[in-house]
Amino acid sequence: MEQTVMEMIRDMLKVDAKDLESRMDDEEIWDSLQWIETVFYLEEELKIKFEEDEFPEIKTPRRLCEAAIGKVKASEKS
C-alpha cells in the first residue's frame, strides 16, 4: 500500500522516485496548490476523506502517505 500511495504522490508532483525519497520530510517539495491537489487526488483514488483539522499534520509526503494508509486501513475495518 505504501508503494502505491508514494507512486500516486510522485505522479502528482512529477518527480522521480529518488527525488521524492530524499525529500519525504520536506514541506517545500510542493506549493499549496500542488499539496491540495495531491490530497484531493488521494481522497478520490483511495475512497478516503481527510478532515480539515488533519491538514496541519499532513504537510510532508511522508505524513500524507502515513495518513492516507491509516484512512484506508480504517475504512477496511468498517
N, C-alpha and C. Protein backbone atom coordinates (compact mmCIF):
# COMPACT_ATOMS: atom_id res chain seq x y z
N MET A 1 0.82 -1.19 0.00
CA MET A 1 0.00 0.00 0.00
C MET A 1 0.87 1.26 0.00
N GLU A 2 1.95 1.25 0.80
CA GLU A 2 2.81 2.43 0.87
C GLU A 2 3.39 2.77 -0.51
N GLN A 3 3.83 1.75 -1.23
CA GLN A 3 4.40 1.99 -2.55
C GLN A 3 3.36 2.59 -3.50
N THR A 4 2.15 2.11 -3.44
CA THR A 4 1.07 2.64 -4.29
C THR A 4 0.81 4.11 -3.99
N VAL A 5 0.71 4.45 -2.71
CA VAL A 5 0.45 5.84 -2.32
C VAL A 5 1.62 6.72 -2.73
N MET A 6 2.84 6.24 -2.53
CA MET A 6 4.00 7.04 -2.92
C MET A 6 4.06 7.24 -4.43
N GLU A 7 3.68 6.25 -5.19
CA GLU A 7 3.63 6.41 -6.65
C GLU A 7 2.60 7.46 -7.04
N MET A 8 1.48 7.49 -6.35
CA MET A 8 0.45 8.48 -6.63
C MET A 8 0.97 9.89 -6.31
N ILE A 9 1.63 10.04 -5.19
CA ILE A 9 2.19 11.33 -4.81
C ILE A 9 3.26 11.74 -5.83
N ARG A 10 4.12 10.81 -6.18
CA ARG A 10 5.18 11.08 -7.15
C ARG A 10 4.60 11.52 -8.49
N ASP A 11 3.57 10.85 -8.93
CA ASP A 11 2.93 11.21 -10.20
C ASP A 11 2.33 12.61 -10.14
N MET A 12 1.71 12.95 -9.03
CA MET A 12 1.11 14.27 -8.90
C MET A 12 2.18 15.37 -8.88
N LEU A 13 3.31 15.09 -8.26
CA LEU A 13 4.38 16.08 -8.16
C LEU A 13 5.29 16.08 -9.39
N LYS A 14 5.17 15.04 -10.19
CA LYS A 14 6.00 14.91 -11.38
C LYS A 14 7.49 14.92 -11.03
N VAL A 15 7.84 14.10 -10.03
CA VAL A 15 9.23 13.93 -9.63
C VAL A 15 9.58 12.45 -9.71
N ASP A 16 10.87 12.16 -9.79
CA ASP A 16 11.25 10.75 -9.82
C ASP A 16 11.32 10.19 -8.41
N ALA A 17 11.38 8.89 -8.33
CA ALA A 17 11.33 8.20 -7.03
C ALA A 17 12.48 8.63 -6.13
N LYS A 18 13.65 8.77 -6.69
CA LYS A 18 14.83 9.14 -5.90
C LYS A 18 14.67 10.54 -5.29
N ASP A 19 14.16 11.48 -6.08
CA ASP A 19 13.94 12.84 -5.58
C ASP A 19 12.91 12.84 -4.46
N LEU A 20 11.82 12.13 -4.67
CA LEU A 20 10.78 12.07 -3.64
C LEU A 20 11.32 11.41 -2.38
N GLU A 21 12.05 10.33 -2.53
CA GLU A 21 12.60 9.62 -1.37
C GLU A 21 13.51 10.53 -0.55
N SER A 22 14.29 11.35 -1.21
CA SER A 22 15.22 12.23 -0.49
C SER A 22 14.51 13.42 0.15
N ARG A 23 13.25 13.67 -0.24
CA ARG A 23 12.52 14.83 0.27
C ARG A 23 11.23 14.45 0.99
N MET A 24 11.18 13.26 1.56
CA MET A 24 9.97 12.77 2.22
C MET A 24 9.50 13.65 3.38
N ASP A 25 10.43 14.36 4.02
CA ASP A 25 10.07 15.19 5.16
C ASP A 25 10.16 16.68 4.84
N ASP A 26 10.15 17.00 3.57
CA ASP A 26 10.31 18.38 3.11
C ASP A 26 8.96 19.00 2.76
N GLU A 27 8.53 19.97 3.54
CA GLU A 27 7.26 20.66 3.28
C GLU A 27 7.34 21.51 2.02
N GLU A 28 8.54 21.85 1.60
CA GLU A 28 8.71 22.71 0.44
C GLU A 28 8.78 21.96 -0.89
N ILE A 29 8.53 20.66 -0.85
CA ILE A 29 8.54 19.89 -2.09
C ILE A 29 7.36 20.29 -2.98
N TRP A 30 6.33 20.87 -2.37
CA TRP A 30 5.16 21.26 -3.13
C TRP A 30 4.68 22.63 -2.68
N ASP A 31 4.00 23.31 -3.58
CA ASP A 31 3.36 24.56 -3.17
C ASP A 31 1.96 24.21 -2.68
N SER A 32 1.24 25.19 -2.20
CA SER A 32 -0.07 24.90 -1.59
C SER A 32 -1.06 24.30 -2.59
N LEU A 33 -1.00 24.72 -3.83
CA LEU A 33 -1.90 24.16 -4.84
C LEU A 33 -1.56 22.70 -5.13
N GLN A 34 -0.28 22.40 -5.29
CA GLN A 34 0.12 21.01 -5.52
C GLN A 34 -0.27 20.14 -4.33
N TRP A 35 -0.12 20.67 -3.13
CA TRP A 35 -0.45 19.90 -1.93
C TRP A 35 -1.94 19.56 -1.91
N ILE A 36 -2.79 20.56 -2.11
CA ILE A 36 -4.23 20.31 -2.03
C ILE A 36 -4.69 19.41 -3.18
N GLU A 37 -4.12 19.59 -4.36
CA GLU A 37 -4.47 18.72 -5.48
C GLU A 37 -4.08 17.27 -5.18
N THR A 38 -2.93 17.09 -4.55
CA THR A 38 -2.48 15.75 -4.19
C THR A 38 -3.39 15.13 -3.13
N VAL A 39 -3.76 15.91 -2.14
CA VAL A 39 -4.68 15.43 -1.10
C VAL A 39 -6.01 15.01 -1.72
N PHE A 40 -6.57 15.87 -2.56
CA PHE A 40 -7.86 15.56 -3.20
C PHE A 40 -7.74 14.34 -4.11
N TYR A 41 -6.64 14.22 -4.82
CA TYR A 41 -6.42 13.08 -5.70
C TYR A 41 -6.39 11.78 -4.89
N LEU A 42 -5.66 11.79 -3.78
CA LEU A 42 -5.61 10.58 -2.94
C LEU A 42 -6.99 10.25 -2.38
N GLU A 43 -7.72 11.28 -1.95
CA GLU A 43 -9.07 11.03 -1.44
C GLU A 43 -9.93 10.35 -2.50
N GLU A 44 -9.87 10.86 -3.70
CA GLU A 44 -10.70 10.30 -4.78
C GLU A 44 -10.26 8.88 -5.15
N GLU A 45 -8.99 8.69 -5.34
CA GLU A 45 -8.49 7.39 -5.80
C GLU A 45 -8.59 6.31 -4.73
N LEU A 46 -8.38 6.68 -3.49
CA LEU A 46 -8.37 5.70 -2.41
C LEU A 46 -9.72 5.60 -1.69
N LYS A 47 -10.67 6.44 -2.09
CA LYS A 47 -12.00 6.45 -1.48
C LYS A 47 -11.91 6.73 0.02
N ILE A 48 -11.14 7.78 0.36
CA ILE A 48 -10.98 8.20 1.75
C ILE A 48 -11.35 9.67 1.85
N LYS A 49 -11.43 10.16 3.09
CA LYS A 49 -11.75 11.57 3.31
C LYS A 49 -10.94 12.08 4.48
N PHE A 50 -10.14 13.12 4.24
CA PHE A 50 -9.41 13.77 5.31
C PHE A 50 -10.30 14.86 5.91
N GLU A 51 -10.21 15.01 7.20
CA GLU A 51 -10.93 16.08 7.88
C GLU A 51 -10.05 17.33 7.88
N GLU A 52 -10.68 18.48 7.85
CA GLU A 52 -9.94 19.74 7.80
C GLU A 52 -8.95 19.87 8.96
N ASP A 53 -9.30 19.38 10.12
CA ASP A 53 -8.40 19.52 11.27
C ASP A 53 -7.17 18.62 11.16
N GLU A 54 -7.15 17.70 10.19
CA GLU A 54 -5.98 16.85 9.97
C GLU A 54 -4.93 17.54 9.09
N PHE A 55 -5.33 18.53 8.33
CA PHE A 55 -4.44 19.15 7.36
C PHE A 55 -3.12 19.66 7.95
N PRO A 56 -3.11 20.31 9.11
CA PRO A 56 -1.83 20.79 9.64
C PRO A 56 -0.82 19.67 9.91
N GLU A 57 -1.31 18.47 10.10
CA GLU A 57 -0.43 17.35 10.41
C GLU A 57 0.10 16.62 9.18
N ILE A 58 -0.41 16.94 8.00
CA ILE A 58 -0.02 16.17 6.81
C ILE A 58 0.63 17.07 5.75
N LYS A 59 1.64 17.80 6.15
CA LYS A 59 2.28 18.76 5.25
C LYS A 59 3.49 18.19 4.49
N THR A 60 3.93 17.00 4.82
CA THR A 60 5.05 16.40 4.09
C THR A 60 4.57 15.14 3.37
N PRO A 61 5.29 14.72 2.36
CA PRO A 61 4.90 13.49 1.67
C PRO A 61 4.83 12.28 2.62
N ARG A 62 5.76 12.19 3.56
CA ARG A 62 5.74 11.06 4.50
C ARG A 62 4.45 11.06 5.33
N ARG A 63 4.11 12.21 5.88
CA ARG A 63 2.90 12.30 6.71
C ARG A 63 1.63 12.08 5.89
N LEU A 64 1.61 12.58 4.66
CA LEU A 64 0.45 12.35 3.81
C LEU A 64 0.30 10.87 3.50
N CYS A 65 1.39 10.23 3.19
CA CYS A 65 1.36 8.79 2.91
C CYS A 65 0.87 8.02 4.13
N GLU A 66 1.43 8.30 5.29
CA GLU A 66 1.02 7.62 6.51
C GLU A 66 -0.46 7.84 6.82
N ALA A 67 -0.90 9.08 6.67
CA ALA A 67 -2.31 9.40 6.95
C ALA A 67 -3.24 8.70 5.97
N ALA A 68 -2.87 8.68 4.71
CA ALA A 68 -3.71 8.02 3.70
C ALA A 68 -3.80 6.53 3.97
N ILE A 69 -2.69 5.90 4.29
CA ILE A 69 -2.69 4.46 4.60
C ILE A 69 -3.56 4.19 5.82
N GLY A 70 -3.44 5.05 6.84
CA GLY A 70 -4.26 4.90 8.04
C GLY A 70 -5.74 4.98 7.72
N LYS A 71 -6.11 5.91 6.84
CA LYS A 71 -7.51 6.06 6.43
C LYS A 71 -8.00 4.82 5.69
N VAL A 72 -7.18 4.31 4.79
CA VAL A 72 -7.56 3.11 4.01
C VAL A 72 -7.76 1.94 4.96
N LYS A 73 -6.83 1.74 5.88
CA LYS A 73 -6.94 0.62 6.82
C LYS A 73 -8.19 0.76 7.70
N ALA A 74 -8.47 1.98 8.13
CA ALA A 74 -9.65 2.21 8.97
C ALA A 74 -10.93 1.93 8.18
N SER A 75 -10.95 2.30 6.92
CA SER A 75 -12.15 2.06 6.11
C SER A 75 -12.34 0.58 5.82
N GLU A 76 -11.26 -0.17 5.75
CA GLU A 76 -11.36 -1.60 5.50
C GLU A 76 -11.94 -2.33 6.71
N LYS A 77 -11.71 -1.79 7.91
CA LYS A 77 -12.22 -2.41 9.14
C LYS A 77 -13.71 -2.18 9.32
N SER A 78 -14.24 -1.10 8.73
CA SER A 78 -15.65 -0.80 8.95
C SER A 78 -16.54 -1.41 7.90
